[in-house]
Amino acid sequence: MLRSMSRRFGPIRQNGYVVRDIEAALKHWTEVLGVGPFFYFERVPIEDFRYRGEPSPLEVSIALANSGDLQVELIQQRNDAPSMYRDFLAAGHEGLQHVAFWPEDLDAALADAAAAGFAVGQSGEIGERGRFVYLAPEHHPGTVMELSEVSGPKGRFFAHIAEVARGWDGSEPVRPIGG
């Protein structure tokens, strides 16, 4: 199924890992795996977050780095708000929770996903033109699929993360963003 999804939405651009302890995960990824540097947001300002269509006061910490062309995202939910992250952990899982596609036209990709029978599990927005949508897992058990809009500042930041990773010398493995 993921192979046909790649033809539908483009290449997989990100692997998203839901973790219980983001600091321990950062240590593992940077020191053991040598991936970094990670740009760490202790509290991500997500707007209009919805879980299964209903507003939810989600609070998360997120760290982003690149390994080659693939972005690695570490996510720790900081409250008990309804979300697919909470569902994943409650099911006894920790680790790879989603793969993300960054389609050129998010609205067209969403229409295509709906026509293929996918429902939205959760959605929100991070900054201007930074919408994201996780497709509900009922259609395809296992790894969730995310469609992420990267035409605005979020996309430029993602490009910066990839560029910094290309020349990373191991220094400053975790770079806090925001306050």
Protein backbone atom coordinates (compact mmCIF):
# COMPACT_ATOMS: atom_id res chain seq x y z
CA MET A 1 0.00 0.00 0.00
CA LEU A 2 2.76 2.49 0.85
CA ARG A 3 4.30 1.98 -2.59
CA SER A 4 1.14 3.15 -4.33
CA MET A 5 0.83 5.99 -1.83
CA SER A 6 4.27 7.19 -2.88
CA ARG A 7 3.06 7.46 -6.47
CA ARG A 8 0.02 9.29 -5.17
CA PHE A 9 1.68 11.83 -2.84
CA GLY A 10 5.35 11.82 -3.83
CA PRO A 11 8.30 10.42 -1.88
CA ILE A 12 8.27 9.77 1.84
CA ARG A 13 10.08 12.77 3.29
CA GLN A 14 9.84 12.16 7.03
CA ASN A 15 9.71 9.36 9.60
CA GLY A 16 7.91 10.41 12.78
CA TYR A 17 8.72 8.66 16.06
CA VAL A 18 6.44 9.03 19.09
CA VAL A 19 8.48 8.68 22.27
CA ARG A 20 7.80 8.79 26.00
CA ASP A 21 11.11 10.57 26.82
CA ILE A 22 12.31 12.95 24.12
CA GLU A 23 15.55 13.78 25.95
CA ALA A 24 16.52 10.07 26.04
CA ALA A 25 15.52 9.73 22.38
CA LEU A 26 17.67 12.74 21.44
CA LYS A 27 20.64 11.21 23.25
CA HIS A 28 20.16 7.92 21.39
CA TRP A 29 19.75 9.49 17.96
CA THR A 30 22.71 11.87 18.30
CA GLU A 31 25.19 9.77 20.30
CA VAL A 32 24.41 6.21 19.20
CA LEU A 33 23.12 6.72 15.66
CA GLY A 34 25.08 9.91 14.86
CA VAL A 35 22.06 11.72 13.42
CA GLY A 36 21.77 15.45 13.94
CA PRO A 37 21.79 18.15 14.78
CA PHE A 38 18.25 18.17 16.13
CA PHE A 39 16.29 21.39 16.29
CA TYR A 40 14.25 21.06 19.49
CA PHE A 41 10.97 22.80 20.22
CA GLU A 42 10.01 22.28 23.87
CA ARG A 43 6.45 23.49 23.19
CA VAL A 44 5.24 23.58 19.58
CA PRO A 45 2.66 26.29 18.82
CA ILE A 46 0.05 24.18 16.99
CA GLU A 47 -3.05 26.06 15.88
CA ASP A 48 -6.50 24.62 15.28
CA PHE A 49 -5.50 21.11 16.32
CA ARG A 50 -8.32 18.62 15.78
CA TYR A 51 -8.58 14.96 16.66
CA ARG A 52 -11.22 13.12 14.66
CA GLY A 53 -12.74 16.48 13.77
CA GLU A 54 -13.03 17.80 17.33
CA PRO A 55 -10.79 20.51 18.87
CA SER A 56 -8.16 19.13 21.24
CA PRO A 57 -5.68 21.15 23.39
CA LEU A 58 -2.60 19.16 22.31
CA GLU A 59 0.79 20.05 23.82
CA VAL A 60 3.87 18.45 22.29
CA SER A 61 7.64 18.72 22.21
CA ILE A 62 9.19 18.04 18.81
CA ALA A 63 12.77 17.61 17.61
CA LEU A 64 13.72 17.58 13.92
CA ALA A 65 16.89 16.47 12.13
CA ASN A 66 17.84 14.97 8.80
CA SER A 67 19.57 11.75 7.88
CA GLY A 68 20.37 12.31 4.23
CA ASP A 69 17.18 13.42 2.49
CA LEU A 70 14.94 11.87 5.15
CA GLN A 71 13.76 14.04 8.02
CA VAL A 72 13.54 12.41 11.46
CA GLU A 73 10.89 13.78 13.81
CA LEU A 74 10.75 12.93 17.51
CA ILE A 75 7.46 13.72 19.26
CA GLN A 76 6.61 13.62 22.95
CA GLN A 77 3.06 14.49 23.96
CA ARG A 78 3.15 16.62 27.12
CA ASN A 79 -0.52 16.34 28.16
CA ASP A 80 -3.38 13.83 27.96
CA ALA A 81 -5.33 15.60 25.19
CA PRO A 82 -6.97 13.32 22.62
CA SER A 83 -4.55 12.65 19.74
CA MET A 84 -3.22 9.86 17.56
CA TYR A 85 0.05 10.13 19.52
CA ARG A 86 -1.81 9.35 22.76
CA ASP A 87 -3.61 6.45 21.04
CA PHE A 88 -0.28 5.05 19.80
CA LEU A 89 1.29 5.11 23.27
CA ALA A 90 -1.88 3.76 24.92
CA ALA A 91 -1.75 0.78 22.55
CA GLY A 92 1.64 -0.06 24.04
CA HIS A 93 3.72 1.31 21.16
CA GLU A 94 6.70 3.62 21.07
CA GLY A 95 8.77 4.41 17.99
CA LEU A 96 7.85 4.87 14.33
CA GLN A 97 4.27 6.17 14.27
CA HIS A 98 4.00 7.87 10.88
CA VAL A 99 5.58 8.54 7.54
CA ALA A 100 5.05 11.96 6.02
CA PHE A 101 4.61 13.12 2.46
CA TRP A 102 5.11 16.76 1.51
CA PRO A 103 2.82 17.18 -1.52
CA GLU A 104 3.14 20.29 -3.68
CA ASP A 105 -0.62 20.86 -3.44
CA LEU A 106 -2.01 19.77 -0.07
CA ASP A 107 -5.64 20.42 -1.01
CA ALA A 108 -5.36 18.24 -4.11
CA ALA A 109 -3.62 15.51 -2.09
CA LEU A 110 -6.38 15.63 0.52
CA ALA A 111 -9.05 15.37 -2.16
CA ASP A 112 -7.21 12.40 -3.67
CA ALA A 113 -6.93 10.76 -0.23
CA ALA A 114 -10.65 11.27 0.42
CA ALA A 115 -11.52 9.80 -3.00
CA ALA A 116 -9.40 6.77 -2.10
CA GLY A 117 -11.44 6.30 1.10
CA PHE A 118 -9.07 7.82 3.66
CA ALA A 119 -10.48 9.75 6.60
CA VAL A 120 -8.70 12.42 8.63
CA GLY A 121 -7.50 11.25 12.04
CA GLN A 122 -5.99 14.52 13.23
CA SER A 123 -4.96 17.86 11.78
CA GLY A 124 -3.57 21.25 12.68
CA GLU A 125 -1.36 24.07 11.52
CA ILE A 126 2.10 25.25 12.49
CA GLY A 127 2.65 28.79 11.23
CA GLU A 128 1.56 30.28 7.94
CA ARG A 129 0.87 27.65 5.23
CA GLY A 130 1.98 24.92 7.61
CA ARG A 131 -1.08 22.66 7.71
CA PHE A 132 -0.69 18.97 8.45
CA VAL A 133 -3.14 16.08 8.26
CA TYR A 134 -2.74 12.55 9.59
CA LEU A 135 -4.87 10.00 7.79
CA ALA A 136 -6.84 7.71 10.06
CA PRO A 137 -5.21 4.30 10.52
CA GLU A 138 -8.40 2.28 9.98
CA HIS A 139 -7.84 2.21 6.21
CA HIS A 140 -4.32 0.82 6.53
CA PRO A 141 -3.30 -0.84 9.82
CA GLY A 142 0.20 0.00 10.96
CA THR A 143 2.13 3.14 10.21
CA VAL A 144 0.01 6.27 9.86
CA MET A 145 0.40 8.57 6.85
CA GLU A 146 0.81 12.32 7.24
CA LEU A 147 0.36 14.92 4.53
CA SER A 148 2.24 18.11 5.38
CA GLU A 149 2.11 21.50 3.72
CA VAL A 150 5.59 22.94 3.29
CA SER A 151 5.01 25.86 0.92
CA GLY A 152 5.52 28.53 3.61
CA PRO A 153 8.00 29.24 6.40
CA LYS A 154 7.81 25.64 7.69
CA GLY A 155 9.14 24.40 4.34
CA ARG A 156 11.99 26.91 4.39
CA PHE A 157 12.86 25.78 7.92
CA PHE A 158 12.80 22.13 6.83
CA ALA A 159 15.24 23.01 4.01
CA HIS A 160 17.50 24.74 6.57
CA ILE A 161 17.49 21.63 8.80
CA ALA A 162 18.55 19.46 5.84
CA GLU A 163 21.31 21.89 4.87
CA VAL A 164 22.74 22.09 8.40
CA ALA A 165 22.68 18.27 8.67
CA ARG A 166 24.78 17.93 5.48
CA GLY A 167 27.71 19.71 7.09
CA TRP A 168 27.18 18.68 10.71
CA ASP A 169 30.44 17.99 12.56
CA GLY A 170 28.84 16.55 15.71
CA SER A 171 28.89 19.80 17.67
CA GLU A 172 25.74 21.22 19.25
CA PRO A 173 23.75 18.02 18.73
CA VAL A 174 20.55 19.55 20.16
CA ARG A 175 19.65 23.14 19.29
CA PRO A 176 16.73 24.54 21.30
CA ILE A 177 14.24 26.71 19.38
CA GLY A 178 11.98 29.18 21.14
CA GLY A 179 11.65 29.78 24.86
